[in-house]
Amino acid sequence: MRRSLDAGRAIRLEQIATIADGLASPMAGELTYAIVKQYVDDVVTVTDHEILRAMGMILSRAKLLAEPSGAAATAALLARRIPVDEHDRVIAVVSGGNVSVDKLGELLGEDRD
């Protein structure tokens, strides 16, 4: 969606490489693009590394298991992609625990470097 907004039209990506498979749609549909363009203030992106850090923080501090896509909003806040003033009240929706224990260990193990 970010690339579609930058291009000024709905586009299709040739390649997608991310751990956040729930956010990895290869295209922005025409209707969805039109709605986002009209009603959404901004679309920000985060790296896989930032998502992994958010997953680890959510797990260690909130004791909640979030799949990579479900930790993206928290990653955006932690990476300061969204401007927030000191006294603002902010929420991040954390969703999805659709990640196996083996995959979780693999993913969070990557974040130790």
N, C-alpha and C. Protein backbone atom coordinates (compact mmCIF):
# COMPACT_ATOMS: atom_id res chain seq x y z
N MET A 1 0.83 -1.19 0.00
CA MET A 1 0.00 0.00 0.00
C MET A 1 0.88 1.26 0.00
N ARG A 2 1.96 1.22 0.75
CA ARG A 2 2.85 2.38 0.78
C ARG A 2 3.35 2.71 -0.64
N ARG A 3 3.77 1.70 -1.36
CA ARG A 3 4.27 1.93 -2.72
C ARG A 3 3.15 2.40 -3.65
N SER A 4 1.96 1.89 -3.46
CA SER A 4 0.82 2.34 -4.27
C SER A 4 0.53 3.81 -4.00
N LEU A 5 0.54 4.20 -2.74
CA LEU A 5 0.31 5.61 -2.42
C LEU A 5 1.40 6.50 -3.02
N ASP A 6 2.63 6.04 -2.97
CA ASP A 6 3.73 6.80 -3.57
C ASP A 6 3.59 6.91 -5.08
N ALA A 7 3.08 5.85 -5.71
CA ALA A 7 2.92 5.82 -7.17
C ALA A 7 1.66 6.54 -7.64
N GLY A 8 0.73 6.77 -6.71
CA GLY A 8 -0.51 7.43 -7.08
C GLY A 8 -1.52 6.51 -7.74
N ARG A 9 -1.32 5.21 -7.60
CA ARG A 9 -2.25 4.22 -8.18
C ARG A 9 -1.98 2.88 -7.52
N ALA A 10 -2.96 2.00 -7.58
CA ALA A 10 -2.78 0.65 -7.04
C ALA A 10 -1.77 -0.10 -7.90
N ILE A 11 -0.79 -0.68 -7.26
CA ILE A 11 0.24 -1.42 -7.99
C ILE A 11 0.37 -2.85 -7.45
N ARG A 12 1.01 -3.68 -8.22
CA ARG A 12 1.30 -5.07 -7.84
C ARG A 12 2.81 -5.20 -7.67
N LEU A 13 3.23 -5.84 -6.59
CA LEU A 13 4.65 -6.07 -6.34
C LEU A 13 5.09 -7.36 -7.01
N GLU A 14 6.25 -7.36 -7.57
CA GLU A 14 6.80 -8.56 -8.21
C GLU A 14 7.37 -9.53 -7.19
N GLN A 15 7.87 -9.00 -6.07
CA GLN A 15 8.53 -9.85 -5.08
C GLN A 15 8.24 -9.29 -3.69
N ILE A 16 8.03 -10.20 -2.74
CA ILE A 16 7.80 -9.81 -1.35
C ILE A 16 8.67 -10.68 -0.48
N ALA A 17 9.43 -10.07 0.43
CA ALA A 17 10.27 -10.82 1.35
C ALA A 17 10.14 -10.19 2.73
N THR A 18 9.34 -10.82 3.58
CA THR A 18 9.16 -10.33 4.94
C THR A 18 8.72 -11.47 5.85
N ILE A 19 8.99 -11.33 7.13
CA ILE A 19 8.50 -12.30 8.10
C ILE A 19 7.03 -12.05 8.42
N ALA A 20 6.52 -10.87 8.07
CA ALA A 20 5.14 -10.50 8.36
C ALA A 20 4.23 -10.93 7.21
N ASP A 21 4.04 -12.24 7.08
CA ASP A 21 3.30 -12.75 5.93
C ASP A 21 1.85 -12.29 5.90
N GLY A 22 1.27 -11.95 7.05
CA GLY A 22 -0.09 -11.45 7.08
C GLY A 22 -0.23 -10.06 6.49
N LEU A 23 0.89 -9.38 6.30
CA LEU A 23 0.88 -8.04 5.70
C LEU A 23 1.48 -8.06 4.30
N ALA A 24 1.74 -9.23 3.78
CA ALA A 24 2.50 -9.37 2.54
C ALA A 24 1.63 -9.58 1.31
N SER A 25 0.61 -8.80 1.19
CA SER A 25 -0.23 -8.90 -0.01
C SER A 25 0.58 -8.42 -1.21
N PRO A 26 0.52 -9.14 -2.32
CA PRO A 26 1.31 -8.73 -3.48
C PRO A 26 0.73 -7.53 -4.22
N MET A 27 -0.49 -7.10 -3.85
CA MET A 27 -1.09 -5.98 -4.56
C MET A 27 -2.03 -5.21 -3.67
N ALA A 28 -2.23 -3.97 -4.05
CA ALA A 28 -3.26 -3.15 -3.43
C ALA A 28 -4.44 -3.16 -4.40
N GLY A 29 -5.57 -3.66 -3.95
CA GLY A 29 -6.75 -3.66 -4.82
C GLY A 29 -7.22 -2.24 -5.10
N GLU A 30 -7.88 -2.05 -6.21
CA GLU A 30 -8.36 -0.72 -6.60
C GLU A 30 -9.28 -0.12 -5.54
N LEU A 31 -10.23 -0.89 -5.04
CA LEU A 31 -11.18 -0.39 -4.05
C LEU A 31 -10.46 -0.07 -2.73
N THR A 32 -9.62 -0.99 -2.28
CA THR A 32 -8.88 -0.77 -1.04
C THR A 32 -7.98 0.45 -1.17
N TYR A 33 -7.30 0.57 -2.29
CA TYR A 33 -6.43 1.73 -2.52
C TYR A 33 -7.24 3.03 -2.43
N ALA A 34 -8.40 3.07 -3.07
CA ALA A 34 -9.22 4.28 -3.06
C ALA A 34 -9.66 4.64 -1.64
N ILE A 35 -10.03 3.63 -0.85
CA ILE A 35 -10.46 3.88 0.52
C ILE A 35 -9.30 4.38 1.37
N VAL A 36 -8.15 3.73 1.25
CA VAL A 36 -6.97 4.15 2.02
C VAL A 36 -6.56 5.57 1.62
N LYS A 37 -6.55 5.85 0.34
CA LYS A 37 -6.16 7.19 -0.14
C LYS A 37 -7.07 8.27 0.45
N GLN A 38 -8.36 7.96 0.56
CA GLN A 38 -9.31 8.95 1.05
C GLN A 38 -9.29 9.09 2.57
N TYR A 39 -9.16 7.99 3.29
CA TYR A 39 -9.40 8.03 4.74
C TYR A 39 -8.19 7.84 5.64
N VAL A 40 -7.10 7.34 5.12
CA VAL A 40 -5.94 7.04 5.97
C VAL A 40 -4.93 8.19 5.90
N ASP A 41 -4.47 8.63 7.07
CA ASP A 41 -3.52 9.74 7.12
C ASP A 41 -2.15 9.35 6.59
N ASP A 42 -1.69 8.14 6.92
CA ASP A 42 -0.36 7.74 6.49
C ASP A 42 -0.23 6.22 6.60
N VAL A 43 0.67 5.67 5.84
CA VAL A 43 1.04 4.27 5.93
C VAL A 43 2.55 4.26 6.13
N VAL A 44 2.99 3.66 7.23
CA VAL A 44 4.42 3.61 7.51
C VAL A 44 4.90 2.17 7.37
N THR A 45 6.18 2.02 7.14
CA THR A 45 6.76 0.69 7.02
C THR A 45 7.79 0.47 8.12
N VAL A 46 7.99 -0.79 8.45
CA VAL A 46 9.00 -1.18 9.43
C VAL A 46 9.80 -2.34 8.86
N THR A 47 10.97 -2.53 9.37
CA THR A 47 11.82 -3.62 8.91
C THR A 47 11.49 -4.90 9.68
N ASP A 48 11.93 -6.02 9.15
CA ASP A 48 11.76 -7.29 9.86
C ASP A 48 12.47 -7.24 11.22
N HIS A 49 13.63 -6.63 11.25
CA HIS A 49 14.37 -6.52 12.51
C HIS A 49 13.56 -5.74 13.55
N GLU A 50 12.92 -4.66 13.13
CA GLU A 50 12.10 -3.87 14.05
C GLU A 50 10.89 -4.67 14.54
N ILE A 51 10.32 -5.47 13.65
CA ILE A 51 9.20 -6.33 14.04
C ILE A 51 9.67 -7.37 15.06
N LEU A 52 10.82 -7.97 14.83
CA LEU A 52 11.35 -8.96 15.77
C LEU A 52 11.60 -8.35 17.14
N ARG A 53 12.13 -7.15 17.16
CA ARG A 53 12.36 -6.47 18.45
C ARG A 53 11.04 -6.22 19.16
N ALA A 54 10.01 -5.81 18.41
CA ALA A 54 8.70 -5.58 19.01
C ALA A 54 8.10 -6.88 19.53
N MET A 55 8.22 -7.97 18.77
CA MET A 55 7.72 -9.27 19.22
C MET A 55 8.37 -9.67 20.54
N GLY A 56 9.69 -9.51 20.61
CA GLY A 56 10.42 -9.85 21.83
C GLY A 56 9.99 -9.00 23.00
N MET A 57 9.79 -7.72 22.77
CA MET A 57 9.37 -6.82 23.85
C MET A 57 7.95 -7.15 24.31
N ILE A 58 7.06 -7.40 23.38
CA ILE A 58 5.69 -7.75 23.74
C ILE A 58 5.67 -9.05 24.54
N LEU A 59 6.46 -10.02 24.12
CA LEU A 59 6.51 -11.30 24.82
C LEU A 59 7.12 -11.15 26.21
N SER A 60 8.22 -10.43 26.32
CA SER A 60 8.90 -10.34 27.61
C SER A 60 8.20 -9.40 28.59
N ARG A 61 7.61 -8.33 28.11
CA ARG A 61 7.01 -7.35 29.03
C ARG A 61 5.52 -7.53 29.25
N ALA A 62 4.79 -7.89 28.21
CA ALA A 62 3.34 -8.04 28.34
C ALA A 62 2.93 -9.51 28.47
N LYS A 63 3.89 -10.41 28.26
CA LYS A 63 3.63 -11.85 28.30
C LYS A 63 2.55 -12.25 27.30
N LEU A 64 2.59 -11.61 26.12
CA LEU A 64 1.67 -11.91 25.02
C LEU A 64 2.47 -12.36 23.81
N LEU A 65 1.95 -13.39 23.16
CA LEU A 65 2.59 -13.87 21.94
C LEU A 65 1.91 -13.22 20.74
N ALA A 66 2.65 -12.46 20.00
CA ALA A 66 2.13 -11.81 18.79
C ALA A 66 2.88 -12.35 17.59
N GLU A 67 2.15 -12.67 16.54
CA GLU A 67 2.82 -13.06 15.31
C GLU A 67 3.44 -11.81 14.69
N PRO A 68 4.36 -11.97 13.74
CA PRO A 68 5.04 -10.81 13.17
C PRO A 68 4.09 -9.70 12.66
N SER A 69 3.07 -10.08 11.93
CA SER A 69 2.13 -9.06 11.42
C SER A 69 1.42 -8.35 12.56
N GLY A 70 1.13 -9.08 13.63
CA GLY A 70 0.44 -8.50 14.77
C GLY A 70 1.30 -7.61 15.63
N ALA A 71 2.60 -7.65 15.44
CA ALA A 71 3.53 -6.80 16.20
C ALA A 71 3.97 -5.58 15.39
N ALA A 72 3.52 -5.45 14.16
CA ALA A 72 3.99 -4.37 13.29
C ALA A 72 3.63 -2.98 13.81
N ALA A 73 2.43 -2.81 14.36
CA ALA A 73 2.04 -1.50 14.88
C ALA A 73 2.93 -1.10 16.06
N THR A 74 3.22 -2.06 16.93
CA THR A 74 4.11 -1.79 18.05
C THR A 74 5.52 -1.47 17.54
N ALA A 75 5.95 -2.20 16.51
CA ALA A 75 7.26 -1.93 15.91
C ALA A 75 7.33 -0.50 15.37
N ALA A 76 6.26 -0.06 14.73
CA ALA A 76 6.24 1.30 14.18
C ALA A 76 6.35 2.35 15.29
N LEU A 77 5.71 2.11 16.41
CA LEU A 77 5.81 3.04 17.53
C LEU A 77 7.21 3.01 18.14
N LEU A 78 7.73 1.82 18.37
CA LEU A 78 9.07 1.70 18.98
C LEU A 78 10.15 2.28 18.08
N ALA A 79 9.98 2.16 16.77
CA ALA A 79 10.96 2.69 15.82
C ALA A 79 10.74 4.16 15.52
N ARG A 80 9.76 4.75 16.18
CA ARG A 80 9.44 6.18 16.05
C ARG A 80 9.06 6.56 14.61
N ARG A 81 8.37 5.65 13.94
CA ARG A 81 7.86 5.94 12.60
C ARG A 81 6.58 6.79 12.68
N ILE A 82 5.97 6.79 13.86
CA ILE A 82 4.73 7.54 14.08
C ILE A 82 5.05 8.63 15.09
N PRO A 83 4.84 9.89 14.72
CA PRO A 83 5.15 10.97 15.66
C PRO A 83 4.21 10.95 16.86
N VAL A 84 4.80 10.89 18.04
CA VAL A 84 4.03 10.85 19.28
C VAL A 84 4.65 11.84 20.25
N ASP A 85 3.81 12.69 20.81
CA ASP A 85 4.29 13.61 21.84
C ASP A 85 4.33 12.90 23.19
N GLU A 86 5.11 13.45 24.10
CA GLU A 86 5.36 12.81 25.39
C GLU A 86 4.08 12.49 26.15
N HIS A 87 3.09 13.34 26.09
CA HIS A 87 1.87 13.14 26.88
C HIS A 87 0.70 12.58 26.08
N ASP A 88 0.94 12.17 24.85
CA ASP A 88 -0.12 11.56 24.03
C ASP A 88 -0.49 10.20 24.61
N ARG A 89 -1.75 9.86 24.46
CA ARG A 89 -2.20 8.50 24.79
C ARG A 89 -2.26 7.74 23.48
N VAL A 90 -1.54 6.66 23.44
CA VAL A 90 -1.38 5.91 22.20
C VAL A 90 -1.67 4.44 22.46
N ILE A 91 -2.31 3.80 21.49
CA ILE A 91 -2.50 2.36 21.57
C ILE A 91 -1.94 1.72 20.30
N ALA A 92 -1.55 0.49 20.42
CA ALA A 92 -1.17 -0.31 19.27
C ALA A 92 -1.94 -1.61 19.38
N VAL A 93 -2.65 -1.97 18.34
CA VAL A 93 -3.38 -3.23 18.35
C VAL A 93 -2.38 -4.36 18.15
N VAL A 94 -2.37 -5.29 19.08
CA VAL A 94 -1.50 -6.46 19.00
C VAL A 94 -2.40 -7.65 18.73
N SER A 95 -2.11 -8.36 17.65
CA SER A 95 -3.02 -9.44 17.28
C SER A 95 -2.25 -10.67 16.81
N GLY A 96 -2.96 -11.76 16.81
CA GLY A 96 -2.46 -12.99 16.22
C GLY A 96 -1.34 -13.66 16.98
N GLY A 97 -1.55 -14.88 17.32
CA GLY A 97 -0.51 -15.69 17.94
C GLY A 97 -0.20 -16.88 17.06
N ASN A 98 -0.37 -16.68 15.77
CA ASN A 98 -0.23 -17.77 14.81
C ASN A 98 1.24 -17.98 14.45
N VAL A 99 1.99 -18.43 15.43
CA VAL A 99 3.40 -18.72 15.22
C VAL A 99 3.76 -19.91 16.12
N SER A 100 4.41 -20.90 15.55
CA SER A 100 4.75 -22.09 16.33
C SER A 100 5.91 -21.78 17.28
N VAL A 101 6.04 -22.61 18.30
CA VAL A 101 7.13 -22.43 19.26
C VAL A 101 8.48 -22.54 18.55
N ASP A 102 8.61 -23.49 17.63
CA ASP A 102 9.86 -23.63 16.88
C ASP A 102 10.16 -22.38 16.08
N LYS A 103 9.15 -21.87 15.37
CA LYS A 103 9.34 -20.67 14.55
C LYS A 103 9.63 -19.46 15.43
N LEU A 104 8.97 -19.37 16.58
CA LEU A 104 9.21 -18.27 17.50
C LEU A 104 10.66 -18.25 17.96
N GLY A 105 11.18 -19.39 18.34
CA GLY A 105 12.57 -19.48 18.76
C GLY A 105 13.52 -19.09 17.63
N GLU A 106 13.21 -19.53 16.43
CA GLU A 106 14.01 -19.19 15.26
C GLU A 106 13.98 -17.67 15.02
N LEU A 107 12.78 -17.09 15.05
CA LEU A 107 12.65 -15.65 14.79
C LEU A 107 13.33 -14.81 15.85
N LEU A 108 13.05 -15.11 17.10
CA LEU A 108 13.63 -14.30 18.17
C LEU A 108 15.11 -14.55 18.32
N GLY A 109 15.59 -15.72 17.93
CA GLY A 109 17.02 -16.00 17.91
C GLY A 109 17.75 -15.12 16.92
N GLU A 110 17.07 -14.76 15.81
CA GLU A 110 17.66 -13.87 14.80
C GLU A 110 17.90 -12.49 15.34
N ASP A 111 17.12 -12.09 16.35
CA ASP A 111 17.19 -10.72 16.87
C ASP A 111 18.32 -10.56 17.88
N ARG A 112 19.05 -11.59 18.15
CA ARG A 112 20.11 -11.50 19.18
C ARG A 112 21.41 -10.93 18.66
N ASP A 113 21.51 -10.64 17.36
CA ASP A 113 22.78 -10.10 16.85
C ASP A 113 22.86 -8.61 16.96
